[in-house]
Protein backbone atom coordinates (compact mmCIF):
# COMPACT_ATOMS: atom_id res chain seq x y z
CA MET A 1 117.25 119.94 94.73
CA CYS A 2 117.98 116.79 93.42
CA LYS A 3 114.83 116.49 92.33
CA LEU A 4 115.74 119.76 90.04
CA LEU A 5 118.83 118.57 89.47
CA LYS A 6 118.02 115.33 88.61
CA ALA A 7 120.06 113.11 90.99
CA GLU A 8 119.23 109.79 92.32
CA PRO A 9 117.93 109.07 95.12
CA VAL A 10 116.02 112.08 95.81
CA ASP A 11 114.65 111.83 99.47
CA ASN A 12 117.71 109.54 101.31
CA LEU A 13 120.68 112.67 101.86
CA TYR A 14 120.28 115.80 104.17
CA LEU A 15 122.17 119.05 105.47
CA SER A 16 123.57 118.76 108.58
CA THR A 17 123.28 121.65 110.77
CA GLY A 18 124.91 121.31 113.89
CA GLY A 19 129.01 122.26 113.32
CA GLU A 20 130.15 122.64 109.83
CA ARG A 21 127.62 121.88 107.58
CA GLY A 22 127.59 118.53 105.61
CA VAL A 23 125.63 115.89 104.17
CA CYS A 24 123.91 112.93 106.00
CA LEU A 25 121.91 110.00 105.43
CA ASN A 26 118.29 109.66 106.11
CA LYS A 27 118.43 105.33 105.53
CA SER A 28 121.78 102.72 106.03
CA VAL A 29 123.98 102.05 102.87
CA LYS A 30 125.84 98.92 102.07
CA ARG A 31 128.97 99.00 100.76
CA GLY A 32 128.97 99.62 97.05
CA ASP A 33 125.46 101.72 97.12
CA ALA A 34 125.58 104.94 95.05
CA ILE A 35 124.69 107.34 98.01
CA LEU A 36 124.64 109.87 95.19
CA SER A 37 124.60 110.24 91.34
CA ILE A 38 123.61 113.44 89.18
CA PRO A 39 123.71 113.83 85.62
CA ILE A 40 127.35 115.36 83.97
CA SER A 41 124.49 117.73 82.15
CA SER A 42 123.62 118.76 85.82
CA CYS A 43 127.20 119.59 86.66
CA PHE A 44 129.69 122.33 85.65
CA ARG A 45 132.45 121.02 83.03
CA ASP A 46 136.25 122.68 82.64
CA ASP A 47 136.14 120.99 79.30
CA GLU A 48 132.55 123.34 78.07
CA PRO A 49 132.82 127.02 79.28
CA PRO A 50 130.33 129.23 78.62
CA ARG A 51 130.18 130.29 74.61
CA TRP A 52 131.26 133.80 75.43
CA TYR A 53 135.06 132.55 77.04
CA GLU A 54 135.06 129.76 74.56
CA GLN A 55 135.15 132.04 71.36
CA ARG A 56 137.34 134.37 72.84
CA ALA A 57 139.99 131.70 73.69
CA SER A 58 138.96 130.05 70.03
CA SER A 59 140.19 133.91 68.74
CA HIS A 60 143.60 134.00 70.69
CA ASP A 61 144.30 130.42 69.12
CA GLU A 62 143.71 131.98 65.46
CA VAL A 63 145.52 134.41 66.19
CA GLU A 64 148.64 132.62 68.18
CA GLY A 65 148.15 129.82 65.81
CA GLY A 66 148.17 131.71 62.29
CA GLY A 67 145.17 128.80 61.48
CA ASP A 68 141.86 128.52 62.00
CA ALA A 69 140.30 127.40 65.52
CA ASN A 70 138.13 124.36 65.50
CA GLU A 71 135.39 125.89 65.76
CA ASN A 72 133.02 122.76 64.91
CA ASP A 73 134.07 121.01 68.11
CA ILE A 74 133.51 122.56 71.28
CA THR A 75 134.15 119.69 73.32
CA ASP A 76 137.66 119.30 72.13
CA TYR A 77 139.77 119.33 75.41
CA GLU A 78 142.61 119.17 73.48
CA LYS A 79 142.08 123.16 72.55
CA TYR A 80 141.82 124.35 76.15
CA ASN A 81 145.03 124.80 78.53
CA PRO A 82 144.93 122.31 81.12
CA SER A 83 146.83 124.95 83.46
CA ALA A 84 143.47 126.89 82.82
CA TRP A 85 140.92 124.64 83.92
CA ALA A 86 140.09 126.52 87.51
CA SER A 87 139.71 129.82 84.79
CA ARG A 88 137.20 127.68 82.72
CA LEU A 89 134.79 126.97 85.30
CA ALA A 90 135.21 130.34 86.95
CA ALA A 91 133.41 131.64 83.17
CA SER A 92 130.52 128.95 84.06
CA VAL A 93 129.87 130.16 87.60
CA LEU A 94 129.77 133.58 86.42
CA ASP A 95 127.77 133.27 83.78
CA MET A 96 125.27 131.41 85.99
CA GLU A 97 125.41 134.42 87.80
CA LEU A 98 124.61 136.85 85.89
CA ASN A 99 122.12 134.93 83.60
CA GLN A 100 120.56 134.08 87.14
CA GLY A 101 121.06 129.96 86.30
CA GLY A 102 121.61 129.88 82.76
CA VAL A 103 125.18 129.18 81.06
CA GLY A 104 126.70 130.33 78.03
CA GLY A 105 123.76 131.85 76.55
CA GLU A 106 121.82 128.13 76.20
CA ALA A 107 118.59 128.00 76.75
CA VAL A 108 118.25 125.84 80.45
CA ASP A 109 115.69 122.97 81.22
CA ARG A 110 113.37 125.25 83.95
CA ASP A 111 113.99 122.31 86.89
CA LEU A 112 117.80 123.01 86.50
CA LYS A 113 117.80 125.98 86.58
CA LEU A 114 116.01 126.77 90.05
CA GLY A 115 118.57 123.77 91.08
CA ARG A 116 121.07 125.86 90.29
CA GLU A 117 119.72 128.99 91.70
CA ILE A 118 119.14 127.57 94.95
CA TRP A 119 122.13 125.63 94.90
CA GLN A 120 123.86 128.76 94.63
CA SER A 121 122.31 130.36 97.39
CA MET A 122 123.81 127.58 99.81
CA LEU A 123 126.99 128.56 98.78
CA PRO A 124 129.38 129.91 102.12
CA ASP A 125 129.15 133.82 102.34
CA LYS A 126 131.23 134.84 99.56
CA ASP A 127 133.05 137.54 102.12
CA ILE A 128 133.86 134.62 104.95
CA LEU A 129 134.83 132.09 102.14
CA HIS A 130 137.05 134.99 100.72
CA ALA A 131 138.56 135.33 104.18
CA SER A 132 139.13 131.83 104.80
CA LEU A 133 141.94 131.36 101.43
CA PRO A 134 145.23 132.56 102.70
CA VAL A 135 145.79 133.71 99.14
CA HIS A 136 143.62 137.00 99.87
CA TRP A 137 145.53 137.48 103.72
CA GLY A 138 147.75 140.06 104.28
CA GLU A 139 151.08 140.05 105.31
CA GLU A 140 149.85 140.26 109.67
CA VAL A 141 146.99 137.27 109.65
CA LEU A 142 149.50 135.74 107.71
CA ALA A 143 152.73 136.05 110.12
CA THR A 144 150.33 135.18 112.95
CA SER A 145 150.14 131.34 111.55
CA LYS A 146 154.07 130.72 112.13
CA CYS A 147 153.91 128.32 109.00
CA THR A 148 157.20 128.75 106.24
CA ALA A 149 155.68 126.28 104.10
CA LEU A 150 152.12 128.56 104.00
CA GLU A 151 153.50 131.39 102.99
CA LEU A 152 155.80 130.34 100.73
CA ALA A 153 152.38 128.68 98.98
CA VAL A 154 150.79 131.65 98.99
CA ASP A 155 153.71 133.26 97.39
CA SER A 156 153.28 130.76 94.86
CA ALA A 157 149.51 131.05 94.47
CA TYR A 158 149.23 134.90 94.95
CA PHE A 159 150.49 135.58 91.31
CA ALA A 160 148.91 132.80 90.02
CA ARG A 161 145.67 133.71 91.06
CA ALA A 162 146.25 137.29 89.88
CA SER A 163 147.00 136.40 86.39
CA ALA A 164 144.04 134.56 86.30
CA VAL A 165 141.69 136.81 87.80
CA THR A 166 143.42 139.77 85.15
CA ASN A 167 142.56 137.34 82.41
CA LEU A 168 138.99 136.44 83.53
CA SER A 169 137.94 139.78 83.75
CA GLU A 170 138.94 141.20 80.90
CA GLU A 171 137.03 139.10 78.56
CA LEU A 172 134.38 139.13 81.17
CA ASN A 173 134.56 142.64 80.15
CA GLN A 174 134.68 142.31 76.59
CA ALA A 175 132.06 140.22 76.35
CA LEU A 176 129.82 142.22 78.51
CA ASP A 177 130.42 145.33 76.20
CA SER A 178 129.88 143.40 72.87
CA LYS A 179 127.60 144.96 70.96
CA ASP A 180 128.70 142.59 67.21
CA GLY A 181 127.83 138.95 68.66
CA GLU A 182 124.89 137.57 68.27
CA GLY A 183 122.38 137.56 71.56
CA ASP A 184 122.86 133.65 71.91
CA ASP A 185 127.14 133.77 72.03
CA ILE A 186 127.09 136.96 74.13
CA ILE A 187 125.82 137.17 78.42
CA MET A 188 122.56 139.23 78.34
CA THR A 189 122.45 140.75 81.25
CA GLU A 190 120.25 143.25 83.47
CA GLU A 191 124.22 143.88 85.24
CA MET A 192 125.14 145.93 82.35
CA ASP A 193 126.49 148.74 84.49
CA ILE A 194 129.76 146.64 85.75
CA VAL A 195 130.72 147.41 82.07
CA GLY A 196 133.75 148.97 82.38
CA ASP A 197 134.32 149.06 86.16
CA MET A 198 137.28 146.41 86.18
CA GLU A 199 137.58 146.44 90.30
CA THR A 200 133.82 145.10 90.80
CA LEU A 201 134.64 142.40 87.76
CA GLN A 202 137.76 141.65 89.53
CA ARG A 203 136.00 140.86 93.36
CA LYS A 204 133.07 139.27 91.38
CA CYS A 205 136.15 137.29 89.56
CA HIS A 206 137.68 136.18 92.48
CA ASP A 207 134.98 135.31 94.38
CA ALA A 208 134.17 132.75 91.04
CA LEU A 209 137.26 131.48 91.33
CA ASP A 210 137.14 130.76 95.11
CA ILE A 211 134.26 128.92 94.39
CA VAL A 212 135.98 126.21 92.49
CA GLN A 213 139.24 126.33 94.07
CA THR A 214 136.86 125.00 97.20
CA ARG A 215 134.27 123.04 95.51
CA ALA A 216 135.64 121.36 92.14
CA CYS A 217 137.07 118.26 92.28
CA ARG A 218 138.93 115.84 89.71
CA VAL A 219 137.81 113.01 88.13
CA GLU A 220 139.57 110.71 85.74
CA ARG A 221 137.55 109.20 82.00
CA THR A 222 137.98 106.04 82.48
CA CYS A 223 136.49 102.40 81.49
CA GLU A 224 134.96 100.07 83.81
CA ASP A 225 138.03 97.56 83.18
CA GLY A 226 140.04 100.90 84.39
CA VAL A 227 141.61 101.95 80.93
CA GLN A 228 141.65 106.09 80.50
CA TRP A 229 139.48 106.98 77.77
CA GLY A 230 140.79 110.75 77.77
CA PRO A 231 142.11 113.42 79.89
CA PRO A 232 140.98 114.22 83.32
CA LEU A 233 138.02 116.28 84.26
CA ARG A 234 137.47 118.65 86.13
CA ILE A 235 133.82 119.23 87.80
CA LEU A 236 131.68 121.21 90.23
CA ALA A 237 128.88 119.32 91.18
CA PRO A 238 126.11 120.78 93.07
CA ILE A 239 125.19 118.85 96.12
CA PHE A 240 127.82 116.63 95.49
CA ASP A 241 130.12 119.63 96.77
CA PHE A 242 128.68 119.79 99.98
CA ILE A 243 130.66 116.62 101.18
CA ASN A 244 132.99 117.25 103.88
CA HIS A 245 136.73 115.83 103.62
CA GLY A 246 137.53 112.80 105.55
CA SER A 247 141.14 110.91 104.68
CA SER A 248 141.31 107.33 103.40
CA ARG A 249 144.40 107.05 105.33
CA THR A 250 142.53 106.33 108.52
CA LYS A 251 139.82 104.16 110.10
CA GLY A 252 137.24 105.20 112.78
CA LYS A 253 135.43 108.28 112.98
CA GLY A 254 136.37 110.84 110.64
CA SER A 255 137.44 108.76 108.19
CA ALA A 256 136.84 108.77 104.85
CA ASN A 257 133.62 106.35 103.99
CA ALA A 258 132.53 106.89 100.27
CA SER A 259 134.29 107.73 97.20
CA PHE A 260 133.38 109.14 93.82
CA GLY A 261 133.67 108.86 90.33
CA ILE A 262 132.13 109.54 86.21
CA GLU A 263 129.96 105.96 84.86
CA ASN A 264 128.96 106.23 82.20
CA LYS A 265 127.51 103.14 79.03
CA LEU A 266 129.44 103.69 76.39
CA MET A 267 133.21 104.87 76.30
CA CYS A 268 133.99 108.02 74.90
CA ASN A 269 130.37 109.35 75.36
CA MET A 270 129.64 111.63 77.96
CA HIS A 271 126.52 112.82 77.28
CA ASP A 272 124.91 109.86 79.20
CA ALA A 273 127.82 110.00 81.97
CA LYS A 274 126.62 110.61 85.34
CA PHE A 275 128.96 111.41 88.01
CA VAL A 276 128.55 109.27 90.82
CA VAL A 277 129.25 108.39 94.95
CA ARG A 278 129.40 105.44 96.50
CA ALA A 279 130.02 103.81 99.55
CA ALA A 280 133.28 102.69 100.39
CA ARG A 281 131.82 100.18 103.36
CA ASP A 282 128.37 100.43 105.12
CA ILE A 283 127.27 103.24 106.28
CA LEU A 284 124.12 104.09 109.31
CA GLU A 285 121.36 105.83 109.06
CA GLY A 286 122.20 109.51 110.26
CA GLU A 287 126.55 108.96 110.13
CA GLU A 288 127.86 112.06 107.76
CA VAL A 289 129.36 111.40 104.22
CA LEU A 290 132.55 111.94 104.11
CA ILE A 291 135.12 111.30 100.82
CA ASP A 292 139.16 112.18 101.07
CA TYR A 293 139.96 115.41 98.83
CA GLY A 294 143.57 113.96 98.34
CA ASP A 295 146.86 114.84 98.39
CA SER A 296 145.67 118.53 98.38
CA ALA A 297 143.89 118.22 101.81
CA ARG A 298 147.40 116.86 103.34
CA PRO A 299 149.09 118.52 105.59
CA ALA A 300 147.11 120.91 107.32
CA TRP A 301 148.67 123.85 105.56
CA ARG A 302 148.50 122.54 101.93
CA CYS A 303 145.12 121.76 103.04
CA LEU A 304 144.02 125.37 104.18
CA THR A 305 145.65 127.01 101.08
CA SER A 306 143.55 124.65 98.67
CA TYR A 307 140.51 124.60 100.41
CA GLY A 308 140.97 127.26 103.47
CA PHE A 309 139.74 124.92 106.43
CA VAL A 310 142.13 122.64 108.74
CA PRO A 311 141.22 118.97 109.10
CA GLU A 312 141.19 117.62 112.43
CA TYR A 313 143.31 114.61 113.11
CA ASP A 314 142.66 112.31 115.92
CA ALA A 315 146.14 110.65 116.74
CA LYS A 316 144.06 107.72 118.24
CA SER A 317 142.51 106.64 114.31
CA GLU A 318 143.78 103.71 113.52
CA VAL A 319 146.70 104.21 110.54
CA VAL A 320 146.20 102.10 107.30
CA ASP A 321 149.54 102.47 105.59
CA GLU A 322 152.11 103.91 108.50
CA GLU A 323 154.15 105.10 105.54
CA GLN A 324 151.76 107.42 104.63
CA VAL A 325 151.72 110.75 106.41
CA GLU A 326 148.58 112.62 107.20
CA ASN A 327 150.41 115.74 108.72
CA VAL A 328 153.66 117.59 109.12
CA ALA A 329 155.02 120.77 111.16
CA GLU A 330 158.30 122.51 110.25
CA LEU A 331 161.00 122.27 112.77
CA TRP A 332 164.09 124.59 113.05
CA MET A 333 167.34 123.73 114.24
CA ASN A 334 170.19 125.67 113.59
CA GLY A 335 169.22 127.59 111.12
CA LEU A 336 167.74 125.12 108.83
CA ARG A 337 164.23 124.34 108.07
CA PHE A 338 162.86 120.79 108.84
CA GLU A 339 159.27 118.74 108.22
CA VAL A 340 158.77 116.22 110.64
CA ASP A 341 155.71 113.55 111.32
CA THR A 342 154.41 111.71 114.74
CA GLN A 343 156.30 108.98 113.46
CA SER A 344 159.63 109.39 111.36
CA VAL A 345 162.95 111.22 112.14
CA PRO A 346 164.66 112.92 108.94
CA PHE A 347 167.39 111.83 108.49
CA ASP A 348 169.15 115.74 107.67
CA LEU A 349 168.01 116.84 111.27
CA VAL A 350 169.91 113.64 113.17
CA GLU A 351 173.10 114.78 111.14
CA VAL A 352 172.38 118.33 112.88
CA ALA A 353 171.79 117.39 115.84
CA ALA A 354 174.52 114.85 116.00
CA ALA A 355 176.46 117.61 115.49
CA GLN A 356 175.93 119.69 117.39
CA ALA A 357 176.04 117.77 120.29
CA LEU A 358 179.25 117.04 119.41
CA TYR A 359 179.86 120.59 120.68
CA ASP A 360 177.60 120.21 123.46
CA ASP A 361 179.09 120.86 127.14
CA SER A 362 175.84 119.39 128.57
CA SER A 363 177.24 115.54 129.01
CA GLU A 364 180.90 114.51 129.44
CA ASP A 365 179.88 110.87 129.46
CA ASP A 366 181.75 109.69 125.61
CA ASN A 367 180.16 106.50 125.94
CA GLU A 368 176.64 108.69 125.85
CA ARG A 369 178.28 110.66 122.69
CA GLU A 370 179.00 107.29 120.70
CA GLY A 371 178.10 107.15 117.57
CA GLU A 372 177.01 110.80 116.72
CA GLU A 373 179.65 111.55 114.34
CA ASP A 374 177.65 109.05 112.25
CA GLY A 375 174.49 110.68 112.56
CA ILE A 376 172.81 107.44 114.24
CA LEU A 377 169.90 108.49 116.18
CA THR A 378 171.28 108.24 119.99
CA PRO A 379 169.45 108.52 123.04
CA PHE A 380 171.31 111.56 123.69
CA VAL A 381 170.72 113.30 120.18
CA ALA A 382 166.75 111.70 120.67
CA GLN A 383 166.40 114.07 123.69
CA ALA A 384 168.25 117.20 121.99
CA ILE A 385 166.05 117.11 119.29
CA ALA A 386 162.84 116.44 121.35
CA LYS A 387 163.95 119.33 123.28
CA ARG A 388 163.45 122.03 120.48
CA ALA A 389 160.36 120.40 119.41
CA THR A 390 158.90 121.00 122.72
CA GLU A 391 160.61 124.29 122.90
CA ALA A 392 158.79 124.94 119.43
CA ALA A 393 155.42 123.02 120.14
CA PHE A 394 155.58 126.03 123.19
CA ASN A 395 156.05 129.21 120.95
CA LEU A 396 153.38 128.22 118.67
CA ILE A 397 150.81 128.50 121.25
CA LEU A 398 152.21 132.17 122.28
CA GLU A 399 150.05 134.76 121.29
CA PRO A 400 151.67 136.14 118.00
CA GLU A 401 152.10 139.78 118.55
CA MET A 402 150.32 142.10 116.25
CA VAL A 403 151.27 144.91 113.97
CA GLU A 404 149.12 148.41 114.48
CA THR A 405 147.51 149.04 111.19
CA GLU A 406 144.54 151.12 109.63
CA LYS A 407 142.40 147.52 109.51
CA VAL A 408 138.90 147.12 111.37
CA TRP A 409 140.40 144.31 113.95
CA ASP A 410 136.63 143.00 115.27
CA SER A 411 135.48 142.43 111.48
CA PRO A 412 133.92 139.17 110.35
CA GLU A 413 136.56 138.62 108.34
CA PHE A 414 138.98 139.37 110.41
CA VAL A 415 138.51 137.25 112.72
CA HIS A 416 137.76 134.46 110.94
CA ALA A 417 141.03 134.53 109.25
CA MET A 418 142.78 134.74 111.99
CA SER A 419 140.88 131.83 114.22
CA LEU A 420 142.24 130.01 110.88
CA ALA A 421 145.51 131.41 111.82
CA ALA A 422 145.25 129.47 114.79
CA LEU A 423 144.17 126.48 114.07
CA LEU A 424 146.69 126.04 111.81
CA ARG A 425 149.40 127.08 114.49
CA TRP A 426 147.45 124.43 117.22
CA SER A 427 147.90 121.50 114.63
CA GLN A 428 151.34 122.13 114.21
CA HIS A 429 151.38 122.21 117.91
CA LYS A 430 150.21 118.48 118.46
CA VAL A 431 152.22 116.94 116.06
CA LEU A 432 155.66 118.33 117.40
CA LEU A 433 154.32 117.28 121.16
CA ALA A 434 153.61 113.92 119.97
CA PHE A 435 156.87 114.33 117.88
CA ALA A 436 158.29 115.50 121.51
CA GLU A 437 156.82 112.59 123.11
CA ASN A 438 157.89 109.60 120.39
CA LEU A 439 162.07 110.82 121.01
CA ASN A 440 161.53 110.44 124.90
CA GLU A 441 160.47 107.59 124.86
CA PHE A 442 163.04 105.95 122.18
CA SER A 443 165.37 107.86 124.78
CA SER A 444 164.20 105.80 127.91
CA SER A 445 164.67 102.98 126.07
CA PRO A 446 168.73 101.60 125.02
CA SER A 447 167.51 98.52 123.83
CA GLU A 448 165.30 99.76 120.95
CA ALA A 449 168.38 101.96 120.35
CA GLU A 450 170.69 99.69 119.47
């Protein structure tokens, strides 16, 4: 596939087969060495959607703006709505699928077309990918995650996804049904039987958006000296999209060992640019290549929402920056919700726990309660918070009650979604236990509390 897509080097990468599929090295590399270099022309770009999508967007701009759209400059990024980048990339994925490797009705290099077909065949099963993303979950699965933040994120994402699918499916249907356009501007496909079948078209659009959501990345257009010469670009790069996530905020096993970006010799010239992955440290033969997916991959509930998986966190890993929080868990106390991590206690939580402690009859020692009125984290308050965190952690590992519905409980998609919800509960469980353990250590060391 590297040869077909003109990626380099062609012989130093392979896909691991054990556990989660990832990209590994056949030969060791040094820090700064290129692990993967693929021409931008072999990638999908959000500023170059297929012609059928671009033309309809331009026509819409003419109607809305009352003027002529700039038809000659198809790389003019400003005429595209930046918030619709996912739809533009999804249109390219749909066009490739319907044209069997080609994009935008244009002639495509035979090797590139074959490379894209191979890449497409290696993508995850569409139904399993669909089940991986909480935006597609039903209420019965979402409730088992016991995560309010996830539920709120899904509520927000649901309406954005519904709007994108509606618009994209309508434009795709019009393009397929068009009889007036020239052949190279309209999708030419043998799947004309799906014209007017909006349910099928919408599912195709969902599948394309799922691929874009979980596999696209954002890159900056900068010079060698770091000066930005254009707006950020969203790219879907075959081969690169098989690289798994690793945190750049920790050191050791499972941490990121590579970084990526666009490299080009001439500023403002994307035609000869390449998408390059470089080693951030020395990487040994057989070691997996890992990149940091960014803020959208932390905390765990956001990573699940964005990419459809729950990352593993090694509590023993060395932290690069203690001020950067890797994962959090929610803790309810006195009807209020707080997000906690293993190394710090929210001030508002201390205030609520201290106020509650004033009315707690479990202790009559005034000296032990000293400072609670000021919201100070005293040993007594720390013990109260630790107790509540332990109770919450225990509740997360209890099997959630399921509501009787007509769903097929033993379907692979349902089982996969439920397993991800369980992994999220387990992730939050570990955070709360570590949080409670640190609070108990604090409360048992009076000198530190002072």
